[in-house]
Amino acid sequence: MKSILYIALFYLCLSVLVVSCTEKEPEPACLQAEVVGPDCQNGWYILKLANEDSQTNHTGDFVGQIQAGYVTTDNLPEAYRHEGQRLTLALELNGSYSPICTAVHMMYPAVRIKRVCAAATGD
């Protein structure tokens, strides 16, 4: 009976230690992007990221590794789905799924929009 109590106490202490040591993941930084237009699959949109050297120090799945170029997303808010719309977005790489194109098409890295930081006005 004592051994069961000691084992239960050991696992309780271990679980408290694990919970207290977990770190909250950092939030992605906001990047400037421009909506290029729809991608090959309905609901997907191509974004052109601005070239900013300060983006290289981000870690994890956040878009910071992509210095500049094009990405595609399927969760662009309806209000920003206009070609030429300039936004400041926090993005995360989406390794789970991407658009399915039936013809030969340029494939861009898939991202998820974590939040819209700002939208340009007066374009």
PDB file of N, CA and C in Angstrom:
ATOM      1  N   MET A   1       0.824  -1.186   0.000  1.00  0.00           N
ATOM      2  CA  MET A   1       0.000   0.000   0.000  1.00  0.00           C
ATOM      3  C   MET A   1       0.872   1.255   0.000  1.00  0.00           C
ATOM      4  N   LYS A   2       1.989   1.213   0.759  1.00  0.00           N
ATOM      5  CA  LYS A   2       2.888   2.357   0.811  1.00  0.00           C
ATOM      6  C   LYS A   2       3.514   2.626  -0.541  1.00  0.00           C
ATOM      7  N   SER A   3       3.866   1.558  -1.260  1.00  0.00           N
ATOM      8  CA  SER A   3       4.513   1.738  -2.559  1.00  0.00           C
ATOM      9  C   SER A   3       3.570   2.420  -3.556  1.00  0.00           C
ATOM     10  N   ILE A   4       2.293   2.099  -3.516  1.00  0.00           N
ATOM     11  CA  ILE A   4       1.311   2.732  -4.404  1.00  0.00           C
ATOM     12  C   ILE A   4       1.190   4.219  -4.077  1.00  0.00           C
ATOM     13  N   LEU A   5       1.190   4.529  -2.806  1.00  0.00           N
ATOM     14  CA  LEU A   5       1.115   5.926  -2.373  1.00  0.00           C
ATOM     15  C   LEU A   5       2.361   6.699  -2.831  1.00  0.00           C
ATOM     16  N   TYR A   6       3.543   6.096  -2.694  1.00  0.00           N
ATOM     17  CA  TYR A   6       4.772   6.737  -3.128  1.00  0.00           C
ATOM     18  C   TYR A   6       4.794   6.942  -4.648  1.00  0.00           C
ATOM     19  N   ILE A   7       4.318   5.953  -5.385  1.00  0.00           N
ATOM     20  CA  ILE A   7       4.268   6.058  -6.845  1.00  0.00           C
ATOM     21  C   ILE A   7       3.306   7.178  -7.254  1.00  0.00           C
ATOM     22  N   ALA A   8       2.146   7.244  -6.637  1.00  0.00           N
ATOM     23  CA  ALA A   8       1.167   8.284  -6.946  1.00  0.00           C
ATOM     24  C   ALA A   8       1.720   9.662  -6.609  1.00  0.00           C
ATOM     25  N   LEU A   9       2.400   9.783  -5.486  1.00  0.00           N
ATOM     26  CA  LEU A   9       3.007  11.041  -5.086  1.00  0.00           C
ATOM     27  C   LEU A   9       4.129  11.441  -6.050  1.00  0.00           C
ATOM     28  N   PHE A  10       4.908  10.466  -6.492  1.00  0.00           N
ATOM     29  CA  PHE A  10       5.977  10.719  -7.445  1.00  0.00           C
ATOM     30  C   PHE A  10       5.414  11.264  -8.750  1.00  0.00           C
ATOM     31  N   TYR A  11       4.357  10.635  -9.311  1.00  0.00           N
ATOM     32  CA  TYR A  11       3.755  11.089 -10.552  1.00  0.00           C
ATOM     33  C   TYR A  11       3.083  12.448 -10.392  1.00  0.00           C
ATOM     34  N   LEU A  12       2.527  12.728  -9.244  1.00  0.00           N
ATOM     35  CA  LEU A  12       1.932  14.036  -8.983  1.00  0.00           C
ATOM     36  C   LEU A  12       3.010  15.118  -9.012  1.00  0.00           C
ATOM     37  N   CYS A  13       4.127  14.872  -8.355  1.00  0.00           N
ATOM     38  CA  CYS A  13       5.235  15.828  -8.353  1.00  0.00           C
ATOM     39  C   CYS A  13       5.811  16.007  -9.753  1.00  0.00           C
ATOM     40  N   LEU A  14       5.926  14.916 -10.477  1.00  0.00           N
ATOM     41  CA  LEU A  14       6.451  14.971 -11.837  1.00  0.00           C
ATOM     42  C   LEU A  14       5.534  15.784 -12.749  1.00  0.00           C
ATOM     43  N   SER A  15       4.237  15.600 -12.628  1.00  0.00           N
ATOM     44  CA  SER A  15       3.301  16.357 -13.468  1.00  0.00           C
ATOM     45  C   SER A  15       3.310  17.844 -13.120  1.00  0.00           C
ATOM     46  N   VAL A  16       3.459  18.192 -11.846  1.00  0.00           N
ATOM     47  CA  VAL A  16       3.565  19.594 -11.444  1.00  0.00           C
ATOM     48  C   VAL A  16       4.834  20.206 -12.032  1.00  0.00           C
ATOM     49  N   LEU A  17       5.909  19.456 -12.031  1.00  0.00           N
ATOM     50  CA  LEU A  17       7.165  19.932 -12.594  1.00  0.00           C
ATOM     51  C   LEU A  17       7.052  20.174 -14.094  1.00  0.00           C
ATOM     52  N   VAL A  18       6.428  19.254 -14.801  1.00  0.00           N
ATOM     53  CA  VAL A  18       6.275  19.383 -16.250  1.00  0.00           C
ATOM     54  C   VAL A  18       5.401  20.586 -16.597  1.00  0.00           C
ATOM     55  N   VAL A  19       4.312  20.764 -15.889  1.00  0.00           N
ATOM     56  CA  VAL A  19       3.412  21.887 -16.161  1.00  0.00           C
ATOM     57  C   VAL A  19       4.098  23.214 -15.866  1.00  0.00           C
ATOM     58  N   SER A  20       4.872  23.277 -14.818  1.00  0.00           N
ATOM     59  CA  SER A  20       5.530  24.531 -14.464  1.00  0.00           C
ATOM     60  C   SER A  20       6.684  24.869 -15.395  1.00  0.00           C
ATOM     61  N   CYS A  21       7.235  23.894 -16.106  1.00  0.00           N
ATOM     62  CA  CYS A  21       8.381  24.142 -16.977  1.00  0.00           C
ATOM     63  C   CYS A  21       7.998  24.452 -18.419  1.00  0.00           C
ATOM     64  N   THR A  22       6.738  24.291 -18.782  1.00  0.00           N
ATOM     65  CA  THR A  22       6.348  24.568 -20.157  1.00  0.00           C
ATOM     66  C   THR A  22       6.331  26.071 -20.392  1.00  0.00           C
ATOM     67  N   GLU A  23       6.892  26.462 -21.518  1.00  0.00           N
ATOM     68  CA  GLU A  23       6.940  27.874 -21.875  1.00  0.00           C
ATOM     69  C   GLU A  23       5.846  28.189 -22.873  1.00  0.00           C
ATOM     70  N   LYS A  24       5.338  29.390 -22.792  1.00  0.00           N
ATOM     71  CA  LYS A  24       4.368  29.849 -23.767  1.00  0.00           C
ATOM     72  C   LYS A  24       5.132  30.199 -25.040  1.00  0.00           C
ATOM     73  N   GLU A  25       4.611  29.745 -26.189  1.00  0.00           N
ATOM     74  CA  GLU A  25       5.265  30.032 -27.458  1.00  0.00           C
ATOM     75  C   GLU A  25       5.187  31.520 -27.748  1.00  0.00           C
ATOM     76  N   PRO A  26       6.245  32.079 -28.301  1.00  0.00           N
ATOM     77  CA  PRO A  26       6.214  33.508 -28.626  1.00  0.00           C
ATOM     78  C   PRO A  26       5.230  33.787 -29.754  1.00  0.00           C
ATOM     79  N   GLU A  27       4.655  34.963 -29.740  1.00  0.00           N
ATOM     80  CA  GLU A  27       3.734  35.371 -30.797  1.00  0.00           C
ATOM     81  C   GLU A  27       4.546  35.782 -32.024  1.00  0.00           C
ATOM     82  N   PRO A  28       4.013  35.516 -33.220  1.00  0.00           N
ATOM     83  CA  PRO A  28       4.737  35.922 -34.427  1.00  0.00           C
ATOM     84  C   PRO A  28       4.738  37.437 -34.582  1.00  0.00           C
ATOM     85  N   ALA A  29       5.800  37.956 -35.157  1.00  0.00           N
ATOM     86  CA  ALA A  29       5.908  39.394 -35.427  1.00  0.00           C
ATOM     87  C   ALA A  29       5.044  39.747 -36.627  1.00  0.00           C
ATOM     88  N   CYS A  30       4.656  40.980 -36.710  1.00  0.00           N
ATOM     89  CA  CYS A  30       3.838  41.449 -37.829  1.00  0.00           C
ATOM     90  C   CYS A  30       4.728  41.752 -39.034  1.00  0.00           C
ATOM     91  N   LEU A  31       4.288  41.326 -40.200  1.00  0.00           N
ATOM     92  CA  LEU A  31       5.012  41.510 -41.455  1.00  0.00           C
ATOM     93  C   LEU A  31       4.138  42.280 -42.429  1.00  0.00           C
ATOM     94  N   GLN A  32       4.756  43.066 -43.287  1.00  0.00           N
ATOM     95  CA  GLN A  32       4.009  43.767 -44.319  1.00  0.00           C
ATOM     96  C   GLN A  32       3.768  42.831 -45.484  1.00  0.00           C
ATOM     97  N   ALA A  33       2.537  42.847 -46.003  1.00  0.00           N
ATOM     98  CA  ALA A  33       2.175  41.986 -47.116  1.00  0.00           C
ATOM     99  C   ALA A  33       1.194  42.718 -48.023  1.00  0.00           C
ATOM    100  N   GLU A  34       1.157  42.268 -49.262  1.00  0.00           N
ATOM    101  CA  GLU A  34       0.208  42.804 -50.236  1.00  0.00           C
ATOM    102  C   GLU A  34      -0.558  41.636 -50.838  1.00  0.00           C
ATOM    103  N   VAL A  35      -1.868  41.779 -50.980  1.00  0.00           N
ATOM    104  CA  VAL A  35      -2.694  40.740 -51.580  1.00  0.00           C
ATOM    105  C   VAL A  35      -2.489  40.793 -53.088  1.00  0.00           C
ATOM    106  N   VAL A  36      -1.999  39.699 -53.669  1.00  0.00           N
ATOM    107  CA  VAL A  36      -1.750  39.626 -55.107  1.00  0.00           C
ATOM    108  C   VAL A  36      -3.028  39.229 -55.827  1.00  0.00           C
ATOM    109  N   GLY A  37      -3.742  38.253 -55.278  1.00  0.00           N
ATOM    110  CA  GLY A  37      -4.981  37.791 -55.896  1.00  0.00           C
ATOM    111  C   GLY A  37      -5.265  36.365 -55.493  1.00  0.00           C
ATOM    112  N   PRO A  38      -6.316  35.765 -56.068  1.00  0.00           N
ATOM    113  CA  PRO A  38      -6.670  34.382 -55.727  1.00  0.00           C
ATOM    114  C   PRO A  38      -5.629  33.394 -56.239  1.00  0.00           C
ATOM    115  N   ASP A  39      -5.490  32.291 -55.515  1.00  0.00           N
ATOM    116  CA  ASP A  39      -4.595  31.207 -55.918  1.00  0.00           C
ATOM    117  C   ASP A  39      -5.394  30.229 -56.773  1.00  0.00           C
ATOM    118  N   CYS A  40      -4.816  29.086 -57.086  1.00  0.00           N
ATOM    119  CA  CYS A  40      -5.439  28.130 -58.001  1.00  0.00           C
ATOM    120  C   CYS A  40      -6.689  27.463 -57.438  1.00  0.00           C
ATOM    121  N   GLN A  41      -6.813  27.355 -56.128  1.00  0.00           N
ATOM    122  CA  GLN A  41      -7.985  26.722 -55.529  1.00  0.00           C
ATOM    123  C   GLN A  41      -8.856  27.790 -54.883  1.00  0.00           C
ATOM    124  N   ASN A  42     -10.151  27.624 -55.000  1.00  0.00           N
ATOM    125  CA  ASN A  42     -11.099  28.583 -54.450  1.00  0.00           C
ATOM    126  C   ASN A  42     -10.885  28.769 -52.943  1.00  0.00           C
ATOM    127  N   GLY A  43     -10.829  30.014 -52.490  1.00  0.00           N
ATOM    128  CA  GLY A  43     -10.650  30.306 -51.080  1.00  0.00           C
ATOM    129  C   GLY A  43      -9.210  30.568 -50.675  1.00  0.00           C
ATOM    130  N   TRP A  44      -8.259  30.308 -51.561  1.00  0.00           N
ATOM    131  CA  TRP A  44      -6.841  30.539 -51.292  1.00  0.00           C
ATOM    132  C   TRP A  44      -6.413  31.835 -51.958  1.00  0.00           C
ATOM    133  N   TYR A  45      -5.574  32.602 -51.271  1.00  0.00           N
ATOM    134  CA  TYR A  45      -5.105  33.889 -51.788  1.00  0.00           C
ATOM    135  C   TYR A  45      -3.582  33.973 -51.684  1.00  0.00           C
ATOM    136  N   ILE A  46      -2.974  34.591 -52.696  1.00  0.00           N
ATOM    137  CA  ILE A  46      -1.526  34.766 -52.726  1.00  0.00           C
ATOM    138  C   ILE A  46      -1.186  36.118 -52.111  1.00  0.00           C
ATOM    139  N   LEU A  47      -0.202  36.111 -51.215  1.00  0.00           N
ATOM    140  CA  LEU A  47       0.284  37.332 -50.576  1.00  0.00           C
ATOM    141  C   LEU A  47       1.748  37.524 -50.943  1.00  0.00           C
ATOM    142  N   LYS A  48       2.143  38.760 -51.187  1.00  0.00           N
ATOM    143  CA  LYS A  48       3.552  39.079 -51.427  1.00  0.00           C
ATOM    144  C   LYS A  48       4.078  39.740 -50.161  1.00  0.00           C
ATOM    145  N   LEU A  49       5.097  39.139 -49.555  1.00  0.00           N
ATOM    146  CA  LEU A  49       5.684  39.670 -48.334  1.00  0.00           C
ATOM    147  C   LEU A  49       6.744  40.706 -48.667  1.00  0.00           C
ATOM    148  N   ALA A  50       6.781  41.775 -47.885  1.00  0.00           N
ATOM    149  CA  ALA A  50       7.786  42.823 -48.073  1.00  0.00           C
ATOM    150  C   ALA A  50       9.139  42.316 -47.596  1.00  0.00           C
ATOM    151  N   ASN A  51      10.200  42.845 -48.173  1.00  0.00           N
ATOM    152  CA  ASN A  51      11.558  42.446 -47.808  1.00  0.00           C
ATOM    153  C   ASN A  51      12.024  43.275 -46.621  1.00  0.00           C
ATOM    154  N   GLU A  52      12.147  42.634 -45.466  1.00  0.00           N
ATOM    155  CA  GLU A  52      12.633  43.307 -44.260  1.00  0.00           C
ATOM    156  C   GLU A  52      13.685  42.414 -43.620  1.00  0.00           C
ATOM    157  N   ASP A  53      14.898  42.934 -43.457  1.00  0.00           N
ATOM    158  CA  ASP A  53      15.992  42.139 -42.893  1.00  0.00           C
ATOM    159  C   ASP A  53      15.774  41.782 -41.436  1.00  0.00           C
ATOM    160  N   SER A  54      14.912  42.515 -40.722  1.00  0.00           N
ATOM    161  CA  SER A  54      14.712  42.276 -39.289  1.00  0.00           C
ATOM    162  C   SER A  54      13.908  41.015 -39.014  1.00  0.00           C
ATOM    163  N   GLN A  55      13.427  40.335 -40.046  1.00  0.00           N
ATOM    164  CA  GLN A  55      12.565  39.174 -39.854  1.00  0.00           C
ATOM    165  C   GLN A  55      13.343  37.879 -39.647  1.00  0.00           C
ATOM    166  N   THR A  56      14.635  37.884 -39.764  1.00  0.00           N
ATOM    167  CA  THR A  56      15.386  36.634 -39.773  1.00  0.00           C
ATOM    168  C   THR A  56      15.574  36.016 -38.397  1.00  0.00           C
ATOM    169  N   ASN A  57      15.278  36.713 -37.319  1.00  0.00           N
ATOM    170  CA  ASN A  57      15.558  36.179 -35.994  1.00  0.00           C
ATOM    171  C   ASN A  57      14.368  35.497 -35.338  1.00  0.00           C
ATOM    172  N   HIS A  58      13.311  35.222 -36.065  1.00  0.00           N
ATOM    173  CA  HIS A  58      12.162  34.543 -35.487  1.00  0.00           C
ATOM    174  C   HIS A  58      12.393  33.036 -35.504  1.00  0.00           C
ATOM    175  N   THR A  59      11.745  32.330 -34.588  1.00  0.00           N
ATOM    176  CA  THR A  59      11.946  30.886 -34.496  1.00  0.00           C
ATOM    177  C   THR A  59      10.623  30.156 -34.630  1.00  0.00           C
ATOM    178  N   GLY A  60      10.688  28.853 -34.668  1.00  0.00           N
ATOM    179  CA  GLY A  60       9.484  28.029 -34.706  1.00  0.00           C
ATOM    180  C   GLY A  60       8.831  28.056 -36.077  1.00  0.00           C
ATOM    181  N   ASP A  61       7.515  27.968 -36.099  1.00  0.00           N
ATOM    182  CA  ASP A  61       6.766  27.917 -37.344  1.00  0.00           C
ATOM    183  C   ASP A  61       6.346  29.289 -37.833  1.00  0.00           C
ATOM    184  N   PHE A  62       6.876  30.345 -37.258  1.00  0.00           N
ATOM    185  CA  PHE A  62       6.456  31.668 -37.651  1.00  0.00           C
ATOM    186  C   PHE A  62       7.169  32.100 -38.913  1.00  0.00           C
ATOM    187  N   VAL A  63       6.459  32.849 -39.729  1.00  0.00           N
ATOM    188  CA  VAL A  63       7.054  33.345 -40.952  1.00  0.00           C
ATOM    189  C   VAL A  63       8.024  34.439 -40.568  1.00  0.00           C
ATOM    190  N   GLY A  64       9.237  34.180 -40.682  1.00  0.00           N
ATOM    191  CA  GLY A  64      10.340  35.047 -40.393  1.00  0.00           C
ATOM    192  C   GLY A  64      11.511  34.460 -41.156  1.00  0.00           C
ATOM    193  N   GLN A  65      11.382  33.152 -41.405  1.00  0.00           N
ATOM    194  CA  GLN A  65      12.381  32.471 -42.203  1.00  0.00           C
ATOM    195  C   GLN A  65      12.245  32.885 -43.674  1.00  0.00           C
ATOM    196  N   ILE A  66      11.044  33.303 -44.085  1.00  0.00           N
ATOM    197  CA  ILE A  66      10.805  33.732 -45.453  1.00  0.00           C
ATOM    198  C   ILE A  66      11.103  35.221 -45.507  1.00  0.00           C
ATOM    199  N   GLN A  67      12.247  35.581 -46.080  1.00  0.00           N
ATOM    200  CA  GLN A  67      12.683  36.978 -46.119  1.00  0.00           C
ATOM    201  C   GLN A  67      11.729  37.832 -46.937  1.00  0.00           C
ATOM    202  N   ALA A  68      11.411  37.402 -48.110  1.00  0.00           N
ATOM    203  CA  ALA A  68      10.509  38.117 -49.008  1.00  0.00           C
ATOM    204  C   ALA A  68      10.027  37.098 -50.018  1.00  0.00           C
ATOM    205  N   GLY A  69       8.969  37.401 -50.663  1.00  0.00           N
ATOM    206  CA  GLY A  69       8.463  36.488 -51.666  1.00  0.00           C
ATOM    207  C   GLY A  69       6.976  36.283 -51.505  1.00  0.00           C
ATOM    208  N   TYR A  70       6.516  35.177 -52.047  1.00  0.00           N
ATOM    209  CA  TYR A  70       5.086  34.921 -52.092  1.00  0.00           C
ATOM    210  C   TYR A  70       4.718  33.761 -51.184  1.00  0.00           C
ATOM    211  N   VAL A  71       3.546  33.860 -50.577  1.00  0.00           N
ATOM    212  CA  VAL A  71       2.969  32.785 -49.774  1.00  0.00           C
ATOM    213  C   VAL A  71       1.490  32.693 -50.144  1.00  0.00           C
ATOM    214  N   THR A  72       0.844  31.622 -49.742  1.00  0.00           N
ATOM    215  CA  THR A  72      -0.576  31.451 -49.995  1.00  0.00           C
ATOM    216  C   THR A  72      -1.291  31.126 -48.691  1.00  0.00           C
ATOM    217  N   THR A  73      -2.532  31.590 -48.562  1.00  0.00           N
ATOM    218  CA  THR A  73      -3.301  31.360 -47.337  1.00  0.00           C
ATOM    219  C   THR A  73      -4.767  31.144 -47.661  1.00  0.00           C
ATOM    220  N   ASP A  74      -5.438  30.410 -46.795  1.00  0.00           N
ATOM    221  CA  ASP A  74      -6.868  30.181 -46.974  1.00  0.00           C
ATOM    222  C   ASP A  74      -7.700  30.844 -45.877  1.00  0.00           C
ATOM    223  N   ASN A  75      -7.072  31.598 -44.980  1.00  0.00           N
ATOM    224  CA  ASN A  75      -7.857  32.240 -43.929  1.00  0.00           C
ATOM    225  C   ASN A  75      -7.709  33.764 -43.938  1.00  0.00           C
ATOM    226  N   LEU A  76      -7.575  34.321 -45.146  1.00  0.00           N
ATOM    227  CA  LEU A  76      -7.544  35.775 -45.292  1.00  0.00           C
ATOM    228  C   LEU A  76      -8.958  36.307 -45.033  1.00  0.00           C
ATOM    229  N   PRO A  77      -9.109  37.242 -44.087  1.00  0.00           N
ATOM    230  CA  PRO A  77     -10.450  37.764 -43.804  1.00  0.00           C
ATOM    231  C   PRO A  77     -11.104  38.373 -45.047  1.00  0.00           C
ATOM    232  N   GLU A  78     -12.399  38.226 -45.149  1.00  0.00           N
ATOM    233  CA  GLU A  78     -13.187  38.679 -46.304  1.00  0.00           C
ATOM    234  C   GLU A  78     -12.931  40.143 -46.648  1.00  0.00           C
ATOM    235  N   ALA A  79     -12.783  40.988 -45.660  1.00  0.00           N
ATOM    236  CA  ALA A  79     -12.612  42.427 -45.881  1.00  0.00           C
ATOM    237  C   ALA A  79     -11.312  42.773 -46.602  1.00  0.00           C
ATOM    238  N   TYR A  80     -10.344  41.865 -46.619  1.00  0.00           N
ATOM    239  CA  TYR A  80      -9.030  42.151 -47.193  1.00  0.00           C
ATOM    240  C   TYR A  80      -8.744  41.372 -48.471  1.00  0.00           C
ATOM    241  N   ARG A  81      -9.739  40.821 -49.097  1.00  0.00           N
ATOM    242  CA  ARG A  81      -9.542  39.977 -50.282  1.00  0.00           C
ATOM    243  C   ARG A  81      -9.566  40.780 -51.589  1.00  0.00           C
ATOM    244  N   HIS A  82      -8.949  41.936 -51.597  1.00  0.00           N
ATOM    245  CA  HIS A  82      -8.903  42.790 -52.784  1.00  0.00           C
ATOM    246  C   HIS A  82      -7.466  42.855 -53.287  1.00  0.00           C
ATOM    247  N   GLU A  83      -7.293  42.700 -54.589  1.00  0.00           N
ATOM    248  CA  GLU A  83      -5.955  42.783 -55.170  1.00  0.00           C
ATOM    249  C   GLU A  83      -5.350  44.146 -54.868  1.00  0.00           C
ATOM    250  N   GLY A  84      -4.096  44.147 -54.463  1.00  0.00           N
ATOM    251  CA  GLY A  84      -3.403  45.380 -54.150  1.00  0.00           C
ATOM    252  C   GLY A  84      -3.567  45.848 -52.707  1.00  0.00           C
ATOM    253  N   GLN A  85      -4.423  45.186 -51.932  1.00  0.00           N
ATOM    254  CA  GLN A  85      -4.627  45.566 -50.523  1.00  0.00           C
ATOM    255  C   GLN A  85      -3.338  45.330 -49.744  1.00  0.00           C
ATOM    256  N   ARG A  86      -2.879  46.343 -49.037  1.00  0.00           N
ATOM    257  CA  ARG A  86      -1.663  46.228 -48.223  1.00  0.00           C
ATOM    258  C   ARG A  86      -2.057  46.048 -46.770  1.00  0.00           C
ATOM    259  N   LEU A  87      -1.401  45.059 -46.135  1.00  0.00           N
ATOM    260  CA  LEU A  87      -1.716  44.704 -44.753  1.00  0.00           C
ATOM    261  C   LEU A  87      -0.442  44.509 -43.955  1.00  0.00           C
ATOM    262  N   THR A  88      -0.587  44.550 -42.666  1.00  0.00           N
ATOM    263  CA  THR A  88       0.468  44.111 -41.762  1.00  0.00           C
ATOM    264  C   THR A  88      -0.118  42.928 -41.011  1.00  0.00           C
ATOM    265  N   LEU A  89       0.492  41.754 -41.181  1.00  0.00           N
ATOM    266  CA  LEU A  89      -0.057  40.495 -40.674  1.00  0.00           C
ATOM    267  C   LEU A  89       0.953  39.735 -39.823  1.00  0.00           C
ATOM    268  N   ALA A  90       0.446  38.947 -38.899  1.00  0.00           N
ATOM    269  CA  ALA A  90       1.255  37.970 -38.181  1.00  0.00           C
ATOM    270  C   ALA A  90       0.934  36.616 -38.820  1.00  0.00           C
ATOM    271  N   LEU A  91       1.955  35.953 -39.355  1.00  0.00           N
ATOM    272  CA  LEU A  91       1.761  34.708 -40.095  1.00  0.00           C
ATOM    273  C   LEU A  91       2.484  33.550 -39.437  1.00  0.00           C
ATOM    274  N   GLU A  92       1.948  32.357 -39.699  1.00  0.00           N
ATOM    275  CA  GLU A  92       2.543  31.118 -39.205  1.00  0.00           C
ATOM    276  C   GLU A  92       2.567  30.132 -40.365  1.00  0.00           C
ATOM    277  N   LEU A  93       3.663  29.412 -40.537  1.00  0.00           N
ATOM    278  CA  LEU A  93       3.735  28.404 -41.595  1.00  0.00           C
ATOM    279  C   LEU A  93       2.676  27.335 -41.366  1.00  0.00           C
ATOM    280  N   ASN A  94       2.048  26.899 -42.447  1.00  0.00           N
ATOM    281  CA  ASN A  94       1.000  25.890 -42.384  1.00  0.00           C
ATOM    282  C   ASN A  94       1.518  24.629 -43.059  1.00  0.00           C
ATOM    283  N   GLY A  95       2.014  23.700 -42.268  1.00  0.00           N
ATOM    284  CA  GLY A  95       2.527  22.449 -42.807  1.00  0.00           C
ATOM    285  C   GLY A  95       1.470  21.374 -42.916  1.00  0.00           C
ATOM    286  N   SER A  96       0.246  21.672 -42.492  1.00  0.00           N
ATOM    287  CA  SER A  96      -0.819  20.668 -42.470  1.00  0.00           C
ATOM    288  C   SER A  96      -1.441  20.430 -43.836  1.00  0.00           C
ATOM    289  N   TYR A  97      -1.706  21.493 -44.571  1.00  0.00           N
ATOM    290  CA  TYR A  97      -2.359  21.362 -45.866  1.00  0.00           C
ATOM    291  C   TYR A  97      -2.041  22.585 -46.710  1.00  0.00           C
ATOM    292  N   SER A  98      -2.282  22.472 -48.009  1.00  0.00           N
ATOM    293  CA  SER A  98      -2.063  23.560 -48.954  1.00  0.00           C
ATOM    294  C   SER A  98      -3.074  23.403 -50.083  1.00  0.00           C
ATOM    295  N   PRO A  99      -3.159  24.380 -50.995  1.00  0.00           N
ATOM    296  CA  PRO A  99      -4.144  24.246 -52.074  1.00  0.00           C
ATOM    297  C   PRO A  99      -3.807  23.081 -52.999  1.00  0.00           C
ATOM    298  N   ILE A 100      -4.841  22.516 -53.573  1.00  0.00           N
ATOM    299  CA  ILE A 100      -4.683  21.416 -54.528  1.00  0.00           C
ATOM    300  C   ILE A 100      -4.926  21.997 -55.918  1.00  0.00           C
ATOM    301  N   CYS A 101      -3.888  22.042 -56.716  1.00  0.00           N
ATOM    302  CA  CYS A 101      -3.972  22.617 -58.062  1.00  0.00           C
ATOM    303  C   CYS A 101      -4.019  21.494 -59.079  1.00  0.00           C
ATOM    304  N   THR A 102      -4.943  21.613 -60.032  1.00  0.00           N
ATOM    305  CA  THR A 102      -5.118  20.535 -61.015  1.00  0.00           C
ATOM    306  C   THR A 102      -4.229  20.713 -62.239  1.00  0.00           C
ATOM    307  N   ALA A 103      -3.695  21.897 -62.473  1.00  0.00           N
ATOM    308  CA  ALA A 103      -2.825  22.142 -63.623  1.00  0.00           C
ATOM    309  C   ALA A 103      -1.430  22.505 -63.125  1.00  0.00           C
ATOM    310  N   VAL A 104      -0.505  22.632 -64.050  1.00  0.00           N
ATOM    311  CA  VAL A 104       0.837  23.070 -63.685  1.00  0.00           C
ATOM    312  C   VAL A 104       0.704  24.486 -63.141  1.00  0.00           C
ATOM    313  N   HIS A 105       1.177  24.675 -61.927  1.00  0.00           N
ATOM    314  CA  HIS A 105       0.968  25.953 -61.243  1.00  0.00           C
ATOM    315  C   HIS A 105       2.118  26.181 -60.279  1.00  0.00           C
ATOM    316  N   MET A 106       2.476  27.434 -60.086  1.00  0.00           N
ATOM    317  CA  MET A 106       3.524  27.778 -59.125  1.00  0.00           C
ATOM    318  C   MET A 106       2.974  27.553 -57.723  1.00  0.00           C
ATOM    319  N   MET A 107       3.664  26.749 -56.932  1.00  0.00           N
ATOM    320  CA  MET A 107       3.217  26.482 -55.557  1.00  0.00           C
ATOM    321  C   MET A 107       4.012  27.359 -54.606  1.00  0.00           C
ATOM    322  N   TYR A 108       3.308  28.028 -53.711  1.00  0.00           N
ATOM    323  CA  TYR A 108       3.924  28.893 -52.717  1.00  0.00           C
ATOM    324  C   TYR A 108       3.769  28.264 -51.341  1.00  0.00           C
ATOM    325  N   PRO A 109       4.629  28.628 -50.393  1.00  0.00           N
ATOM    326  CA  PRO A 109       4.479  28.091 -49.027  1.00  0.00           C
ATOM    327  C   PRO A 109       3.121  28.495 -48.455  1.00  0.00           C
ATOM    328  N   ALA A 110       2.445  27.538 -47.826  1.00  0.00           N
ATOM    329  CA  ALA A 110       1.141  27.815 -47.221  1.00  0.00           C
ATOM    330  C   ALA A 110       1.352  28.387 -45.816  1.00  0.00           C
ATOM    331  N   VAL A 111       0.567  29.416 -45.483  1.00  0.00           N
ATOM    332  CA  VAL A 111       0.638  30.057 -44.173  1.00  0.00           C
ATOM    333  C   VAL A 111      -0.756  30.219 -43.602  1.00  0.00           C
ATOM    334  N   ARG A 112      -0.810  30.408 -42.296  1.00  0.00           N
ATOM    335  CA  ARG A 112      -2.052  30.768 -41.604  1.00  0.00           C
ATOM    336  C   ARG A 112      -1.877  32.177 -41.066  1.00  0.00           C
ATOM    337  N   ILE A 113      -2.913  32.969 -41.170  1.00  0.00           N
ATOM    338  CA  ILE A 113      -2.881  34.314 -40.603  1.00  0.00           C
ATOM    339  C   ILE A 113      -3.276  34.202 -39.142  1.00  0.00           C
ATOM    340  N   LYS A 114      -2.373  34.591 -38.252  1.00  0.00           N
ATOM    341  CA  LYS A 114      -2.642  34.556 -36.815  1.00  0.00           C
ATOM    342  C   LYS A 114      -3.449  35.785 -36.392  1.00  0.00           C
ATOM    343  N   ARG A 115      -3.109  36.957 -36.962  1.00  0.00           N
ATOM    344  CA  ARG A 115      -3.874  38.173 -36.681  1.00  0.00           C
ATOM    345  C   ARG A 115      -3.527  39.228 -37.720  1.00  0.00           C
ATOM    346  N   VAL A 116      -4.463  40.147 -37.948  1.00  0.00           N
ATOM    347  CA  VAL A 116      -4.233  41.308 -38.804  1.00  0.00           C
ATOM    348  C   VAL A 116      -3.805  42.430 -37.876  1.00  0.00           C
ATOM    349  N   CYS A 117      -2.584  42.904 -38.044  1.00  0.00           N
ATOM    350  CA  CYS A 117      -2.058  43.971 -37.176  1.00  0.00           C
ATOM    351  C   CYS A 117      -2.541  45.335 -37.640  1.00  0.00           C
ATOM    352  N   ALA A 118      -2.561  45.561 -38.948  1.00  0.00           N
ATOM    353  CA  ALA A 118      -3.031  46.848 -39.496  1.00  0.00           C
ATOM    354  C   ALA A 118      -3.277  46.674 -40.986  1.00  0.00           C
ATOM    355  N   ALA A 119      -4.149  47.517 -41.508  1.00  0.00           N
ATOM    356  CA  ALA A 119      -4.413  47.554 -42.934  1.00  0.00           C
ATOM    357  C   ALA A 119      -4.145  48.950 -43.431  1.00  0.00           C
ATOM    358  N   ALA A 120      -3.563  49.050 -44.611  1.00  0.00           N
ATOM    359  CA  ALA A 120      -3.284  50.368 -45.195  1.00  0.00           C
ATOM    360  C   ALA A 120      -4.605  50.975 -45.664  1.00  0.00           C
ATOM    361  N   THR A 121      -4.743  52.261 -45.470  1.00  0.00           N
ATOM    362  CA  THR A 121      -5.947  52.964 -45.906  1.00  0.00           C
ATOM    363  C   THR A 121      -5.590  53.968 -46.972  1.00  0.00           C
ATOM    364  N   GLY A 122      -6.560  54.267 -47.804  1.00  0.00           N
ATOM    365  CA  GLY A 122      -6.363  55.283 -48.820  1.00  0.00           C
ATOM    366  C   GLY A 122      -5.563  54.831 -50.011  1.00  0.00           C
ATOM    367  N   ASP A 123      -5.572  53.550 -50.361  1.00  0.00           N
ATOM    368  CA  ASP A 123      -4.833  53.050 -51.546  1.00  0.00           C
ATOM    369  C   ASP A 123      -5.564  53.429 -52.789  1.00  0.00           C
TER     370      ASP A 123
END
